[in-house]
Amino acid sequence: MPEKRLGQLHYAQMEATFRTNTFGPALVLAHFAPLLPKQGRCLLAVLSAKVGSIGDNRLGGWYSYRASKAALNMLVKTAAIEVARTHPQAVLVALHPGTVNSALSAPFNGAEIGRPAAEAAGDMLRVLDGVPVEETGGFYAYSGDKLPW
């Protein structure tokens, strides 16, 4: 379960959370970005979460999860700058899918407040279709809203 208080931080849990939410996607970026075509628009997206927004954090808590997603967002932004040098039409983005009905969201009222995975995926694909090259490195919600860092 996510930490609600600073005193609940535990190294092993933090490490596991970062391994899943930050290190894994970072390695995907590292290995797949060079494979993007150098000509024409191309896209590489990772799943982030709105709780990874430092500017939007109004409730606190969820230390490891928030920090791991904020770190992922920074990796996407940094990778987008580098990739743009050799792939000028590439778009790298971090996406917030919203609450999706899944085993991950179930303990947090996901069944009551979530939506079907197919709907979330469709929304994210529509967002990705509309992200201009000039916005590479951005952080977007499934609604198309640009999220604050």
Protein backbone atom coordinates (compact mmCIF):
# COMPACT_ATOMS: atom_id res chain seq x y z
CA MET A 1 0.00 0.00 0.00
CA PRO A 2 1.19 3.55 -0.65
CA GLU A 3 2.75 5.42 2.23
CA LYS A 4 0.46 8.02 3.75
CA ARG A 5 3.10 9.47 6.07
CA LEU A 6 6.81 10.15 5.81
CA GLY A 7 7.45 7.76 8.69
CA GLN A 8 6.09 4.87 6.61
CA LEU A 9 8.88 5.05 4.03
CA HIS A 10 10.62 1.73 3.62
CA TYR A 11 13.65 1.20 1.41
CA ALA A 12 12.58 -2.10 -0.16
CA GLN A 13 9.15 -0.77 -1.06
CA MET A 14 10.62 2.41 -2.52
CA GLU A 15 13.12 0.41 -4.55
CA ALA A 16 10.42 -1.90 -5.91
CA THR A 17 8.19 1.04 -6.83
CA PHE A 18 10.99 2.84 -8.66
CA ARG A 19 12.04 -0.39 -10.38
CA THR A 20 8.55 -0.77 -11.83
CA ASN A 21 7.50 2.82 -12.46
CA THR A 22 10.80 4.49 -13.36
CA PHE A 23 13.67 2.13 -14.15
CA GLY A 24 11.68 -0.20 -16.43
CA PRO A 25 10.19 2.56 -18.60
CA ALA A 26 13.55 4.38 -18.65
CA LEU A 27 15.19 1.30 -20.14
CA VAL A 28 12.37 1.02 -22.69
CA LEU A 29 13.12 4.62 -23.70
CA ALA A 30 16.84 3.89 -23.89
CA HIS A 31 16.42 0.82 -26.08
CA PHE A 32 13.54 1.89 -28.32
CA ALA A 33 14.25 5.59 -28.93
CA PRO A 34 17.21 4.81 -31.26
CA LEU A 35 14.90 2.55 -33.29
CA LEU A 36 12.49 5.37 -34.12
CA PRO A 37 12.53 6.38 -37.79
CA LYS A 38 14.63 9.45 -38.49
CA GLN A 39 12.14 10.73 -41.07
CA GLY A 40 8.46 11.49 -40.50
CA ARG A 41 6.42 11.78 -37.32
CA CYS A 42 6.95 8.98 -34.84
CA LEU A 43 5.84 8.49 -31.28
CA LEU A 44 7.04 6.92 -28.04
CA ALA A 45 4.81 7.17 -24.96
CA VAL A 46 5.01 5.91 -21.39
CA LEU A 47 2.31 5.59 -18.75
CA SER A 48 2.73 8.08 -15.97
CA ALA A 49 0.18 9.29 -13.43
CA LYS A 50 -1.26 12.65 -12.45
CA VAL A 51 -0.04 12.04 -8.89
CA GLY A 52 3.47 12.36 -10.34
CA SER A 53 2.83 16.05 -10.92
CA ILE A 54 4.72 18.13 -8.37
CA GLY A 55 2.63 21.19 -9.20
CA ASP A 56 -0.67 19.37 -8.78
CA ASN A 57 0.13 17.65 -5.47
CA ARG A 58 -2.52 18.93 -3.08
CA LEU A 59 -3.03 15.88 -0.87
CA GLY A 60 0.47 14.57 -0.10
CA GLY A 61 1.07 10.93 0.73
CA TRP A 62 1.89 8.17 -1.74
CA TYR A 63 5.56 9.13 -1.45
CA SER A 64 7.21 6.37 -3.46
CA TYR A 65 4.57 6.23 -6.16
CA ARG A 66 4.48 10.01 -6.63
CA ALA A 67 8.27 10.29 -6.67
CA SER A 68 8.68 7.39 -9.10
CA LYS A 69 6.23 8.93 -11.56
CA ALA A 70 7.78 12.41 -11.19
CA ALA A 71 11.17 10.84 -11.95
CA LEU A 72 9.69 9.10 -14.99
CA ASN A 73 8.32 12.42 -16.23
CA MET A 74 11.79 13.97 -15.95
CA LEU A 75 13.29 11.07 -17.88
CA VAL A 76 10.75 11.53 -20.68
CA LYS A 77 11.40 15.28 -20.84
CA THR A 78 15.18 14.77 -20.88
CA ALA A 79 15.01 11.96 -23.45
CA ALA A 80 12.78 14.09 -25.69
CA ILE A 81 15.44 16.80 -25.80
CA GLU A 82 18.13 14.30 -26.76
CA VAL A 83 16.03 12.38 -29.28
CA ALA A 84 14.95 15.59 -31.04
CA ARG A 85 18.56 16.18 -32.06
CA THR A 86 18.60 13.10 -34.30
CA HIS A 87 14.86 12.48 -34.80
CA PRO A 88 13.34 15.93 -35.37
CA GLN A 89 9.81 14.58 -35.92
CA ALA A 90 9.79 12.30 -32.86
CA VAL A 91 7.26 12.88 -30.10
CA LEU A 92 7.98 11.47 -26.63
CA VAL A 93 5.29 11.92 -24.00
CA ALA A 94 4.20 10.81 -20.56
CA LEU A 95 0.50 9.95 -20.30
CA HIS A 96 -1.90 9.84 -17.37
CA PRO A 97 -4.58 7.23 -18.18
CA GLY A 98 -6.95 8.23 -15.38
CA THR A 99 -8.34 5.67 -12.99
CA VAL A 100 -8.87 2.42 -14.86
CA ASN A 101 -10.81 -0.59 -13.61
CA SER A 102 -7.95 -2.92 -12.77
CA ALA A 103 -6.39 -4.94 -9.99
CA LEU A 104 -4.06 -1.99 -9.37
CA SER A 105 -6.89 0.48 -8.74
CA ALA A 106 -9.27 -1.92 -6.99
CA PRO A 107 -7.96 -1.24 -3.45
CA PHE A 108 -8.53 2.48 -4.04
CA ASN A 109 -12.19 2.37 -5.10
CA GLY A 110 -11.14 1.79 -8.70
CA ALA A 111 -14.27 -0.20 -9.47
CA GLU A 112 -16.44 2.72 -8.36
CA ILE A 113 -14.47 5.60 -9.87
CA GLY A 114 -12.60 3.89 -12.68
CA ARG A 115 -13.47 3.24 -16.28
CA PRO A 116 -12.88 0.34 -18.65
CA ALA A 117 -9.35 -0.17 -19.95
CA ALA A 118 -10.54 -0.04 -23.58
CA GLU A 119 -12.04 3.42 -22.99
CA ALA A 120 -8.84 4.67 -21.34
CA ALA A 121 -6.73 3.28 -24.18
CA GLY A 122 -8.95 4.92 -26.80
CA ASP A 123 -8.72 8.27 -25.04
CA MET A 124 -4.95 8.06 -24.80
CA LEU A 125 -4.62 7.15 -28.48
CA ARG A 126 -6.71 10.21 -29.40
CA VAL A 127 -4.42 12.38 -27.26
CA LEU A 128 -1.31 10.91 -28.87
CA ASP A 129 -2.71 11.58 -32.35
CA GLY A 130 -3.01 15.25 -31.47
CA VAL A 131 0.33 15.97 -29.78
CA PRO A 132 2.36 18.21 -32.08
CA VAL A 133 6.08 17.67 -32.52
CA GLU A 134 6.70 20.99 -30.77
CA GLU A 135 5.23 19.49 -27.59
CA THR A 136 7.60 16.55 -27.39
CA GLY A 137 8.55 15.81 -23.81
CA GLY A 138 5.11 16.78 -22.54
CA PHE A 139 2.92 15.32 -19.81
CA TYR A 140 -0.73 14.79 -20.77
CA ALA A 141 -3.93 13.47 -19.24
CA TYR A 142 -6.27 11.12 -21.11
CA SER A 143 -8.54 14.15 -21.63
CA GLY A 144 -5.86 15.91 -23.68
CA ASP A 145 -5.10 18.42 -20.92
CA LYS A 146 -1.44 19.23 -20.49
CA LEU A 147 -0.46 18.48 -16.88
CA PRO A 148 1.90 20.58 -14.77
CA TRP A 149 5.23 19.17 -13.78
